[in-house]
């Protein structure tokens, strides 16, 4: 079942690894690192392997069928 999370920004951006932890997709930074390195995460439809990728309002992170929508 597809789940959609909305993650509200507190600053101008959030890093990808932090977003995965904030949405409870990853348990911790190490877990987020491996999920990203394994090529399981897409940002705006493109596979992303950089944990430090900055996400801004309007970006959509996909992991399997789940999505994280970054909002302001």
PDB file of N, CA and C in Angstrom:
ATOM      1  N   UNK A   1       0.829  -1.186   0.000  1.00  0.00           N
ATOM      2  CA  UNK A   1       0.000   0.000   0.000  1.00  0.00           C
ATOM      3  C   UNK A   1       0.874   1.251   0.000  1.00  0.00           C
ATOM      4  N   UNK A   2       0.584   2.163  -0.875  1.00  0.00           N
ATOM      5  CA  UNK A   2       1.377   3.372  -1.019  1.00  0.00           C
ATOM      6  C   UNK A   2       1.097   4.334   0.132  1.00  0.00           C
ATOM      7  N   UNK A   3       2.173   4.810   0.752  1.00  0.00           N
ATOM      8  CA  UNK A   3       2.047   5.815   1.799  1.00  0.00           C
ATOM      9  C   UNK A   3       2.710   7.092   1.320  1.00  0.00           C
ATOM     10  N   UNK A   4       2.075   8.214   1.631  1.00  0.00           N
ATOM     11  CA  UNK A   4       2.638   9.517   1.284  1.00  0.00           C
ATOM     12  C   UNK A   4       2.835  10.294   2.581  1.00  0.00           C
ATOM     13  N   UNK A   5       4.079  10.707   2.798  1.00  0.00           N
ATOM     14  CA  UNK A   5       4.429  11.500   3.973  1.00  0.00           C
ATOM     15  C   UNK A   5       4.644  12.935   3.519  1.00  0.00           C
ATOM     16  N   UNK A   6       4.203  13.876   4.311  1.00  0.00           N
ATOM     17  CA  UNK A   6       4.522  15.277   4.047  1.00  0.00           C
ATOM     18  C   UNK A   6       5.524  15.707   5.100  1.00  0.00           C
ATOM     19  N   UNK A   7       6.640  16.238   4.641  1.00  0.00           N
ATOM     20  CA  UNK A   7       7.705  16.665   5.542  1.00  0.00           C
ATOM     21  C   UNK A   7       7.866  18.172   5.401  1.00  0.00           C
ATOM     22  N   UNK A   8       7.517  18.887   6.455  1.00  0.00           N
ATOM     23  CA  UNK A   8       7.562  20.355   6.432  1.00  0.00           C
ATOM     24  C   UNK A   8       8.980  20.841   6.765  1.00  0.00           C
ATOM     25  N   UNK A   9       9.484  21.723   5.932  1.00  0.00           N
ATOM     26  CA  UNK A   9      10.820  22.279   6.133  1.00  0.00           C
ATOM     27  C   UNK A   9      10.824  23.279   7.285  1.00  0.00           C
ATOM     28  N   UNK A  10      11.873  23.225   8.092  1.00  0.00           N
ATOM     29  CA  UNK A  10      12.074  24.233   9.130  1.00  0.00           C
ATOM     30  C   UNK A  10      13.043  25.293   8.635  1.00  0.00           C
ATOM     31  N   UNK A  11      13.909  24.884   7.716  1.00  0.00           N
ATOM     32  CA  UNK A  11      14.899  25.789   7.122  1.00  0.00           C
ATOM     33  C   UNK A  11      14.651  25.832   5.621  1.00  0.00           C
ATOM     34  N   UNK A  12      15.620  26.324   4.858  1.00  0.00           N
ATOM     35  CA  UNK A  12      15.469  26.410   3.407  1.00  0.00           C
ATOM     36  C   UNK A  12      15.505  25.037   2.745  1.00  0.00           C
ATOM     37  N   UNK A  13      16.201  24.080   3.367  1.00  0.00           N
ATOM     38  CA  UNK A  13      16.335  22.741   2.791  1.00  0.00           C
ATOM     39  C   UNK A  13      16.553  21.723   3.896  1.00  0.00           C
ATOM     40  N   UNK A  14      16.454  20.441   3.529  1.00  0.00           N
ATOM     41  CA  UNK A  14      16.812  19.337   4.412  1.00  0.00           C
ATOM     42  C   UNK A  14      17.623  18.357   3.566  1.00  0.00           C
ATOM     43  N   UNK A  15      18.611  17.729   4.170  1.00  0.00           N
ATOM     44  CA  UNK A  15      19.412  16.751   3.437  1.00  0.00           C
ATOM     45  C   UNK A  15      18.651  15.436   3.342  1.00  0.00           C
ATOM     46  N   UNK A  16      18.929  14.695   2.270  1.00  0.00           N
ATOM     47  CA  UNK A  16      18.213  13.464   1.982  1.00  0.00           C
ATOM     48  C   UNK A  16      18.241  12.477   3.146  1.00  0.00           C
ATOM     49  N   UNK A  17      19.403  12.236   3.718  1.00  0.00           N
ATOM     50  CA  UNK A  17      19.518  11.302   4.845  1.00  0.00           C
ATOM     51  C   UNK A  17      18.664  11.738   6.025  1.00  0.00           C
ATOM     52  N   UNK A  18      18.646  13.041   6.294  1.00  0.00           N
ATOM     53  CA  UNK A  18      17.838  13.566   7.393  1.00  0.00           C
ATOM     54  C   UNK A  18      16.347  13.402   7.102  1.00  0.00           C
ATOM     55  N   UNK A  19      15.973  13.588   5.836  1.00  0.00           N
ATOM     56  CA  UNK A  19      14.565  13.454   5.451  1.00  0.00           C
ATOM     57  C   UNK A  19      14.091  12.019   5.648  1.00  0.00           C
ATOM     58  N   UNK A  20      14.928  11.047   5.302  1.00  0.00           N
ATOM     59  CA  UNK A  20      14.551   9.642   5.477  1.00  0.00           C
ATOM     60  C   UNK A  20      14.347   9.312   6.953  1.00  0.00           C
ATOM     61  N   UNK A  21      15.205   9.873   7.807  1.00  0.00           N
ATOM     62  CA  UNK A  21      15.054   9.645   9.246  1.00  0.00           C
ATOM     63  C   UNK A  21      13.809  10.358   9.776  1.00  0.00           C
ATOM     64  N   UNK A  22      13.565  11.583   9.352  1.00  0.00           N
ATOM     65  CA  UNK A  22      12.421  12.365   9.838  1.00  0.00           C
ATOM     66  C   UNK A  22      11.095  11.720   9.449  1.00  0.00           C
ATOM     67  N   UNK A  23      11.057  11.057   8.299  1.00  0.00           N
ATOM     68  CA  UNK A  23       9.831  10.397   7.836  1.00  0.00           C
ATOM     69  C   UNK A  23       9.728   8.960   8.352  1.00  0.00           C
ATOM     70  N   UNK A  24      10.663   8.573   9.224  1.00  0.00           N
ATOM     71  CA  UNK A  24      10.702   7.221   9.804  1.00  0.00           C
ATOM     72  C   UNK A  24      10.850   6.125   8.754  1.00  0.00           C
ATOM     73  N   UNK A  25      11.515   6.447   7.651  1.00  0.00           N
ATOM     74  CA  UNK A  25      11.818   5.455   6.621  1.00  0.00           C
ATOM     75  C   UNK A  25      13.114   4.740   6.991  1.00  0.00           C
ATOM     76  N   UNK A  26      14.028   5.475   7.618  1.00  0.00           N
ATOM     77  CA  UNK A  26      15.299   4.918   8.090  1.00  0.00           C
ATOM     78  C   UNK A  26      15.356   5.078   9.606  1.00  0.00           C
ATOM     79  N   UNK A  27      15.910   4.065  10.266  1.00  0.00           N
ATOM     80  CA  UNK A  27      15.998   4.119  11.724  1.00  0.00           C
ATOM     81  C   UNK A  27      17.030   5.118  12.211  1.00  0.00           C
ATOM     82  N   UNK A  28      18.148   5.212  11.484  1.00  0.00           N
ATOM     83  CA  UNK A  28      19.218   6.117  11.883  1.00  0.00           C
ATOM     84  C   UNK A  28      20.036   6.498  10.652  1.00  0.00           C
ATOM     85  N   UNK A  29      21.096   7.267  10.862  1.00  0.00           N
ATOM     86  CA  UNK A  29      21.920   7.737   9.754  1.00  0.00           C
ATOM     87  C   UNK A  29      22.602   6.619   8.987  1.00  0.00           C
ATOM     88  N   UNK A  30      23.005   5.585   9.683  1.00  0.00           N
ATOM     89  CA  UNK A  30      23.670   4.454   9.025  1.00  0.00           C
ATOM     90  C   UNK A  30      22.680   3.725   8.120  1.00  0.00           C
ATOM     91  N   UNK A  31      21.481   3.512   8.618  1.00  0.00           N
ATOM     92  CA  UNK A  31      20.432   2.862   7.833  1.00  0.00           C
ATOM     93  C   UNK A  31      20.127   3.695   6.583  1.00  0.00           C
ATOM     94  N   UNK A  32      19.996   5.007   6.760  1.00  0.00           N
ATOM     95  CA  UNK A  32      19.732   5.903   5.634  1.00  0.00           C
ATOM     96  C   UNK A  32      20.860   5.822   4.606  1.00  0.00           C
ATOM     97  N   UNK A  33      22.094   5.779   5.089  1.00  0.00           N
ATOM     98  CA  UNK A  33      23.254   5.701   4.203  1.00  0.00           C
ATOM     99  C   UNK A  33      23.182   4.478   3.291  1.00  0.00           C
ATOM    100  N   UNK A  34      22.870   3.318   3.864  1.00  0.00           N
ATOM    101  CA  UNK A  34      22.822   2.095   3.069  1.00  0.00           C
ATOM    102  C   UNK A  34      21.632   2.068   2.115  1.00  0.00           C
ATOM    103  N   UNK A  35      20.493   2.578   2.548  1.00  0.00           N
ATOM    104  CA  UNK A  35      19.320   2.644   1.669  1.00  0.00           C
ATOM    105  C   UNK A  35      19.649   3.488   0.440  1.00  0.00           C
ATOM    106  N   UNK A  36      20.303   4.622   0.672  1.00  0.00           N
ATOM    107  CA  UNK A  36      20.652   5.536  -0.428  1.00  0.00           C
ATOM    108  C   UNK A  36      21.738   4.928  -1.307  1.00  0.00           C
ATOM    109  N   UNK A  37      22.795   4.395  -0.700  1.00  0.00           N
ATOM    110  CA  UNK A  37      23.902   3.814  -1.470  1.00  0.00           C
ATOM    111  C   UNK A  37      23.458   2.630  -2.325  1.00  0.00           C
ATOM    112  N   UNK A  38      22.439   1.912  -1.880  1.00  0.00           N
ATOM    113  CA  UNK A  38      21.949   0.755  -2.632  1.00  0.00           C
ATOM    114  C   UNK A  38      21.070   1.158  -3.816  1.00  0.00           C
ATOM    115  N   UNK A  39      20.898   2.464  -4.019  1.00  0.00           N
ATOM    116  CA  UNK A  39      20.142   2.946  -5.168  1.00  0.00           C
ATOM    117  C   UNK A  39      18.640   2.754  -5.044  1.00  0.00           C
ATOM    118  N   UNK A  40      18.142   2.681  -3.818  1.00  0.00           N
ATOM    119  CA  UNK A  40      16.721   2.438  -3.596  1.00  0.00           C
ATOM    120  C   UNK A  40      15.889   3.718  -3.540  1.00  0.00           C
ATOM    121  N   UNK A  41      16.566   4.875  -3.540  1.00  0.00           N
ATOM    122  CA  UNK A  41      15.870   6.154  -3.364  1.00  0.00           C
ATOM    123  C   UNK A  41      15.890   6.958  -4.656  1.00  0.00           C
ATOM    124  N   UNK A  42      14.743   7.545  -4.968  1.00  0.00           N
ATOM    125  CA  UNK A  42      14.662   8.451  -6.119  1.00  0.00           C
ATOM    126  C   UNK A  42      14.215   9.819  -5.625  1.00  0.00           C
ATOM    127  N   UNK A  43      14.811  10.847  -6.220  1.00  0.00           N
ATOM    128  CA  UNK A  43      14.397  12.223  -5.948  1.00  0.00           C
ATOM    129  C   UNK A  43      13.883  12.792  -7.256  1.00  0.00           C
ATOM    130  N   UNK A  44      12.634  13.199  -7.237  1.00  0.00           N
ATOM    131  CA  UNK A  44      11.979  13.730  -8.443  1.00  0.00           C
ATOM    132  C   UNK A  44      12.120  12.774  -9.632  1.00  0.00           C
ATOM    133  N   UNK A  45      11.999  11.470  -9.337  1.00  0.00           N
ATOM    134  CA  UNK A  45      12.001  10.459 -10.387  1.00  0.00           C
ATOM    135  C   UNK A  45      13.360   9.947 -10.826  1.00  0.00           C
ATOM    136  N   UNK A  46      14.454  10.500 -10.274  1.00  0.00           N
ATOM    137  CA  UNK A  46      15.799  10.059 -10.652  1.00  0.00           C
ATOM    138  C   UNK A  46      16.518   9.453  -9.453  1.00  0.00           C
ATOM    139  N   UNK A  47      17.182   8.323  -9.664  1.00  0.00           N
ATOM    140  CA  UNK A  47      17.911   7.651  -8.588  1.00  0.00           C
ATOM    141  C   UNK A  47      18.965   8.587  -8.019  1.00  0.00           C
ATOM    142  N   UNK A  48      19.006   8.660  -6.698  1.00  0.00           N
ATOM    143  CA  UNK A  48      19.951   9.543  -6.013  1.00  0.00           C
ATOM    144  C   UNK A  48      20.788   8.720  -5.051  1.00  0.00           C
ATOM    145  N   UNK A  49      22.111   8.865  -5.112  1.00  0.00           N
ATOM    146  CA  UNK A  49      23.006   8.106  -4.237  1.00  0.00           C
ATOM    147  C   UNK A  49      23.809   9.012  -3.302  1.00  0.00           C
ATOM    148  N   UNK A  50      23.474  10.298  -3.272  1.00  0.00           N
ATOM    149  CA  UNK A  50      24.172  11.229  -2.366  1.00  0.00           C
ATOM    150  C   UNK A  50      23.314  11.489  -1.130  1.00  0.00           C
ATOM    151  N   UNK A  51      23.815  11.063   0.008  1.00  0.00           N
ATOM    152  CA  UNK A  51      23.076  11.243   1.263  1.00  0.00           C
ATOM    153  C   UNK A  51      22.903  12.718   1.595  1.00  0.00           C
ATOM    154  N   UNK A  52      23.839  13.534   1.172  1.00  0.00           N
ATOM    155  CA  UNK A  52      23.808  14.962   1.473  1.00  0.00           C
ATOM    156  C   UNK A  52      23.025  15.795   0.471  1.00  0.00           C
ATOM    157  N   UNK A  53      22.346  15.162  -0.474  1.00  0.00           N
ATOM    158  CA  UNK A  53      21.551  15.889  -1.472  1.00  0.00           C
ATOM    159  C   UNK A  53      20.563  16.811  -0.758  1.00  0.00           C
ATOM    160  N   UNK A  54      20.572  18.085  -1.116  1.00  0.00           N
ATOM    161  CA  UNK A  54      19.668  19.047  -0.496  1.00  0.00           C
ATOM    162  C   UNK A  54      18.298  18.954  -1.141  1.00  0.00           C
ATOM    163  N   UNK A  55      17.280  18.877  -0.300  1.00  0.00           N
ATOM    164  CA  UNK A  55      15.900  18.812  -0.764  1.00  0.00           C
ATOM    165  C   UNK A  55      15.205  20.116  -0.413  1.00  0.00           C
ATOM    166  N   UNK A  56      14.452  20.633  -1.370  1.00  0.00           N
ATOM    167  CA  UNK A  56      13.742  21.894  -1.188  1.00  0.00           C
ATOM    168  C   UNK A  56      12.244  21.652  -1.327  1.00  0.00           C
ATOM    169  N   UNK A  57      11.445  22.644  -0.937  1.00  0.00           N
ATOM    170  CA  UNK A  57       9.991  22.545  -1.062  1.00  0.00           C
ATOM    171  C   UNK A  57       9.634  22.182  -2.505  1.00  0.00           C
ATOM    172  N   UNK A  58       8.754  21.211  -2.662  1.00  0.00           N
ATOM    173  CA  UNK A  58       8.334  20.755  -3.979  1.00  0.00           C
ATOM    174  C   UNK A  58       9.020  19.484  -4.433  1.00  0.00           C
ATOM    175  N   UNK A  59      10.132  19.111  -3.790  1.00  0.00           N
ATOM    176  CA  UNK A  59      10.817  17.866  -4.147  1.00  0.00           C
ATOM    177  C   UNK A  59      10.013  16.672  -3.643  1.00  0.00           C
ATOM    178  N   UNK A  60      10.109  15.560  -4.384  1.00  0.00           N
ATOM    179  CA  UNK A  60       9.425  14.322  -4.007  1.00  0.00           C
ATOM    180  C   UNK A  60      10.467  13.211  -3.947  1.00  0.00           C
ATOM    181  N   UNK A  61      10.527  12.549  -2.802  1.00  0.00           N
ATOM    182  CA  UNK A  61      11.447  11.433  -2.581  1.00  0.00           C
ATOM    183  C   UNK A  61      10.625  10.147  -2.638  1.00  0.00           C
ATOM    184  N   UNK A  62      11.081   9.180  -3.429  1.00  0.00           N
ATOM    185  CA  UNK A  62      10.383   7.903  -3.558  1.00  0.00           C
ATOM    186  C   UNK A  62      11.277   6.775  -3.066  1.00  0.00           C
ATOM    187  N   UNK A  63      10.685   5.858  -2.326  1.00  0.00           N
ATOM    188  CA  UNK A  63      11.368   4.671  -1.837  1.00  0.00           C
ATOM    189  C   UNK A  63      10.365   3.534  -1.911  1.00  0.00           C
ATOM    190  N   UNK A  64      10.609   2.602  -2.825  1.00  0.00           N
ATOM    191  CA  UNK A  64       9.631   1.561  -3.147  1.00  0.00           C
ATOM    192  C   UNK A  64       8.354   2.265  -3.568  1.00  0.00           C
ATOM    193  N   UNK A  65       7.221   1.967  -2.913  1.00  0.00           N
ATOM    194  CA  UNK A  65       6.002   2.667  -3.323  1.00  0.00           C
ATOM    195  C   UNK A  65       5.685   3.872  -2.446  1.00  0.00           C
ATOM    196  N   UNK A  66       6.482   4.111  -1.405  1.00  0.00           N
ATOM    197  CA  UNK A  66       6.249   5.242  -0.524  1.00  0.00           C
ATOM    198  C   UNK A  66       6.847   6.526  -1.088  1.00  0.00           C
ATOM    199  N   UNK A  67       6.237   7.658  -0.724  1.00  0.00           N
ATOM    200  CA  UNK A  67       6.730   8.949  -1.170  1.00  0.00           C
ATOM    201  C   UNK A  67       6.811   9.900   0.007  1.00  0.00           C
ATOM    202  N   UNK A  68       7.815  10.766  -0.043  1.00  0.00           N
ATOM    203  CA  UNK A  68       7.947  11.856   0.922  1.00  0.00           C
ATOM    204  C   UNK A  68       7.851  13.147   0.121  1.00  0.00           C
ATOM    205  N   UNK A  69       6.876  13.958   0.442  1.00  0.00           N
ATOM    206  CA  UNK A  69       6.709  15.243  -0.236  1.00  0.00           C
ATOM    207  C   UNK A  69       7.282  16.323   0.682  1.00  0.00           C
ATOM    208  N   UNK A  70       8.224  17.086   0.154  1.00  0.00           N
ATOM    209  CA  UNK A  70       8.852  18.155   0.912  1.00  0.00           C
ATOM    210  C   UNK A  70       8.005  19.407   0.721  1.00  0.00           C
ATOM    211  N   UNK A  71       7.524  19.960   1.841  1.00  0.00           N
ATOM    212  CA  UNK A  71       6.662  21.144   1.757  1.00  0.00           C
ATOM    213  C   UNK A  71       7.223  22.261   2.628  1.00  0.00           C
ATOM    214  N   UNK A  72       6.801  23.455   2.335  1.00  0.00           N
ATOM    215  CA  UNK A  72       7.250  24.639   3.080  1.00  0.00           C
ATOM    216  C   UNK A  72       6.351  24.857   4.261  1.00  0.00           C
TER     217      UNK A  72
END
